[in-house]
N, C-alpha and C. Protein backbone atom coordinates (compact mmCIF):
# COMPACT_ATOMS: atom_id res chain seq x y z
N MET A 1 124.57 243.53 225.39
CA MET A 1 123.30 243.29 224.71
C MET A 1 122.41 244.50 224.94
N ASN A 2 121.77 244.94 223.90
CA ASN A 2 120.89 246.09 224.01
C ASN A 2 119.76 246.00 223.00
N PRO A 3 119.00 244.89 223.01
CA PRO A 3 117.90 244.77 222.05
C PRO A 3 116.80 245.76 222.37
N ARG A 4 116.11 246.19 221.35
CA ARG A 4 115.00 247.12 221.51
C ARG A 4 113.78 246.58 220.80
N VAL A 5 112.66 246.64 221.50
CA VAL A 5 111.39 246.19 220.93
C VAL A 5 110.93 247.21 219.91
N ALA A 6 110.62 246.74 218.71
CA ALA A 6 110.11 247.61 217.65
C ALA A 6 108.59 247.69 217.66
N ASP A 7 107.94 246.56 218.01
CA ASP A 7 106.49 246.53 218.05
C ASP A 7 106.06 245.36 218.92
N VAL A 8 104.81 245.37 219.35
CA VAL A 8 104.26 244.32 220.21
C VAL A 8 102.79 244.13 219.89
N LYS A 9 102.35 242.88 219.95
CA LYS A 9 100.93 242.57 219.72
C LYS A 9 100.52 241.52 220.75
N PRO A 10 99.44 241.77 221.53
CA PRO A 10 98.97 240.77 222.47
C PRO A 10 98.43 239.55 221.74
N GLU A 11 98.70 238.39 222.29
CA GLU A 11 98.23 237.12 221.73
C GLU A 11 97.40 236.38 222.78
N LYS A 12 96.96 235.19 222.44
CA LYS A 12 96.16 234.38 223.36
C LYS A 12 97.00 233.92 224.54
N ASN A 13 96.33 233.59 225.64
CA ASN A 13 96.93 232.97 226.81
C ASN A 13 98.05 233.82 227.41
N TYR A 14 97.84 235.13 227.42
CA TYR A 14 98.79 236.06 228.05
C TYR A 14 100.19 235.97 227.48
N THR A 15 100.28 235.86 226.16
CA THR A 15 101.58 235.92 225.50
C THR A 15 101.61 237.16 224.61
N LEU A 16 102.81 237.60 224.28
CA LEU A 16 102.99 238.79 223.44
C LEU A 16 103.85 238.45 222.23
N HIS A 17 103.42 238.89 221.07
CA HIS A 17 104.22 238.77 219.85
C HIS A 17 105.11 240.00 219.83
N ILE A 18 106.42 239.79 219.87
CA ILE A 18 107.39 240.87 219.99
C ILE A 18 108.20 240.96 218.70
N TRP A 19 108.42 242.17 218.22
CA TRP A 19 109.26 242.38 217.05
C TRP A 19 110.54 243.10 217.44
N PHE A 20 111.62 242.46 217.37
CA PHE A 20 112.99 242.95 217.25
C PHE A 20 113.62 241.91 216.36
N GLU A 21 113.67 240.73 216.87
CA GLU A 21 113.69 239.51 216.09
C GLU A 21 112.32 238.98 216.43
N GLU A 22 111.61 238.50 215.51
CA GLU A 22 110.25 238.08 215.77
C GLU A 22 110.25 236.97 216.80
N GLY A 23 109.38 237.10 217.81
CA GLY A 23 109.32 236.09 218.86
C GLY A 23 108.06 236.21 219.68
N ILE A 24 107.88 235.24 220.57
CA ILE A 24 106.74 235.21 221.49
C ILE A 24 107.29 235.26 222.91
N PHE A 25 106.81 236.22 223.70
CA PHE A 25 107.22 236.40 225.09
C PHE A 25 106.06 235.99 225.98
N ASP A 26 106.29 235.04 226.87
CA ASP A 26 105.25 234.51 227.77
C ASP A 26 105.24 235.32 229.07
N VAL A 27 104.15 236.03 229.31
CA VAL A 27 104.01 236.88 230.49
C VAL A 27 103.46 236.10 231.69
N LYS A 28 102.88 234.92 231.46
CA LYS A 28 102.23 234.17 232.55
C LYS A 28 103.10 234.01 233.80
N PRO A 29 104.40 233.72 233.69
CA PRO A 29 105.19 233.54 234.91
C PRO A 29 105.28 234.79 235.79
N TYR A 30 104.93 235.93 235.26
CA TYR A 30 105.05 237.20 235.99
C TYR A 30 103.72 237.71 236.55
N LEU A 31 102.61 237.08 236.22
CA LEU A 31 101.29 237.62 236.54
C LEU A 31 100.99 237.68 238.03
N ASP A 32 101.71 236.94 238.87
CA ASP A 32 101.46 236.99 240.30
C ASP A 32 102.31 238.02 241.03
N PHE A 33 103.22 238.68 240.31
CA PHE A 33 103.97 239.78 240.90
C PHE A 33 103.06 241.00 240.96
N GLU A 34 103.11 241.73 242.05
CA GLU A 34 102.19 242.84 242.29
C GLU A 34 102.09 243.80 241.10
N MET A 35 103.20 244.16 240.53
CA MET A 35 103.21 245.14 239.43
C MET A 35 102.45 244.61 238.20
N PHE A 36 102.44 243.28 238.03
CA PHE A 36 101.85 242.69 236.83
C PHE A 36 100.46 242.10 237.06
N GLU A 37 99.97 242.08 238.29
CA GLU A 37 98.64 241.52 238.56
C GLU A 37 97.53 242.17 237.74
N PRO A 38 97.55 243.50 237.50
CA PRO A 38 96.49 244.09 236.67
C PRO A 38 96.42 243.49 235.27
N LEU A 39 97.51 242.88 234.81
CA LEU A 39 97.53 242.29 233.47
C LEU A 39 96.65 241.06 233.38
N LYS A 40 96.19 240.53 234.52
CA LYS A 40 95.28 239.38 234.50
C LYS A 40 93.95 239.75 233.85
N ASP A 41 93.62 241.04 233.85
CA ASP A 41 92.45 241.54 233.12
C ASP A 41 92.86 241.57 231.65
N ILE A 42 92.27 240.71 230.85
CA ILE A 42 92.70 240.55 229.46
C ILE A 42 92.59 241.85 228.66
N ASP A 43 91.61 242.68 228.94
CA ASP A 43 91.50 243.96 228.24
C ASP A 43 92.68 244.86 228.58
N PHE A 44 93.07 244.86 229.83
CA PHE A 44 94.24 245.65 230.23
C PHE A 44 95.51 245.06 229.62
N PHE A 45 95.64 243.73 229.66
CA PHE A 45 96.79 243.06 229.04
C PHE A 45 96.91 243.45 227.57
N ASN A 46 95.78 243.49 226.88
CA ASN A 46 95.77 243.79 225.45
C ASN A 46 96.11 245.24 225.13
N SER A 47 96.23 246.08 226.15
CA SER A 47 96.56 247.49 225.91
C SER A 47 98.08 247.72 225.83
N VAL A 48 98.87 246.67 225.82
CA VAL A 48 100.34 246.78 225.76
C VAL A 48 100.78 247.59 224.54
N ARG A 49 101.85 248.36 224.72
CA ARG A 49 102.41 249.18 223.65
C ARG A 49 103.93 249.13 223.71
N PRO A 50 104.59 249.25 222.56
CA PRO A 50 106.05 249.41 222.61
C PRO A 50 106.37 250.78 223.21
N MET A 51 107.40 250.84 224.03
CA MET A 51 107.75 252.10 224.68
C MET A 51 109.24 252.10 225.01
N HIS A 52 109.96 253.04 224.44
CA HIS A 52 111.39 253.22 224.74
C HIS A 52 112.18 251.92 224.59
N GLY A 53 111.89 251.17 223.55
CA GLY A 53 112.64 249.96 223.26
C GLY A 53 112.19 248.73 224.01
N THR A 54 111.11 248.84 224.75
CA THR A 54 110.56 247.66 225.44
C THR A 54 109.04 247.69 225.32
N ILE A 55 108.36 247.01 226.22
CA ILE A 55 106.89 246.98 226.22
C ILE A 55 106.40 247.56 227.52
N GLN A 56 105.22 248.23 227.48
CA GLN A 56 104.71 248.87 228.68
C GLN A 56 103.19 248.93 228.63
N TRP A 57 102.59 248.92 229.84
CA TRP A 57 101.15 249.06 230.01
C TRP A 57 100.85 250.38 230.70
N ALA A 58 99.57 250.76 230.76
CA ALA A 58 99.15 252.05 231.30
C ALA A 58 99.56 252.25 232.76
N ASN A 59 99.72 251.17 233.53
CA ASN A 59 100.13 251.30 234.93
C ASN A 59 101.65 251.40 235.06
N GLU A 60 102.33 251.56 233.93
CA GLU A 60 103.78 251.69 233.82
C GLU A 60 104.52 250.39 234.10
N ALA A 61 103.80 249.28 234.17
CA ALA A 61 104.46 247.98 234.24
C ALA A 61 105.20 247.77 232.94
N ASP A 62 106.45 247.33 233.04
CA ASP A 62 107.23 247.07 231.85
C ASP A 62 108.26 245.98 232.14
N PHE A 63 108.95 245.57 231.11
CA PHE A 63 110.00 244.57 231.23
C PHE A 63 111.29 245.14 230.67
N CYS A 64 112.39 244.72 231.26
CA CYS A 64 113.70 245.07 230.72
C CYS A 64 113.78 244.52 229.29
N PRO A 65 114.27 245.30 228.34
CA PRO A 65 114.38 244.81 226.97
C PRO A 65 115.20 243.51 226.87
N ASP A 66 116.24 243.38 227.70
CA ASP A 66 117.05 242.16 227.68
C ASP A 66 116.22 240.95 228.08
N THR A 67 115.36 241.10 229.10
CA THR A 67 114.50 240.00 229.53
C THR A 67 113.56 239.58 228.41
N VAL A 68 112.93 240.55 227.78
CA VAL A 68 112.01 240.25 226.68
C VAL A 68 112.76 239.51 225.57
N TYR A 69 113.94 240.00 225.24
CA TYR A 69 114.72 239.40 224.16
C TYR A 69 115.16 237.98 224.51
N LEU A 70 115.75 237.81 225.69
CA LEU A 70 116.31 236.51 226.07
C LEU A 70 115.25 235.45 226.35
N GLU A 71 114.09 235.85 226.86
CA GLU A 71 113.05 234.89 227.21
C GLU A 71 112.01 234.67 226.13
N SER A 72 112.12 235.40 225.04
CA SER A 72 111.19 235.18 223.93
C SER A 72 111.60 233.96 223.13
N VAL A 73 110.60 233.22 222.67
CA VAL A 73 110.84 232.11 221.76
C VAL A 73 110.83 232.70 220.36
N LYS A 74 111.96 232.60 219.68
CA LYS A 74 112.09 233.18 218.35
C LYS A 74 111.23 232.40 217.36
N THR A 75 110.50 233.11 216.53
CA THR A 75 109.61 232.46 215.56
C THR A 75 110.17 232.51 214.15
N LYS A 76 111.25 233.23 213.94
CA LYS A 76 111.90 233.28 212.62
C LYS A 76 113.38 233.24 212.80
């Protein structure tokens, strides 16, 4: 498996709309991990960008593309 994120849009309640297959990825379960704690600031969370086939924030926090793909709820 080697899915790649094409685009990402922050949504309400710390979720992300992910495009590879369209889906919603819930970041809430990860917010207490040290690397992801800055994402609790909604403005920082909303700064997410697609990067090298996955998603990334300015502090270089990112997710494995496989995790994003497998844990996203497909919307189409």
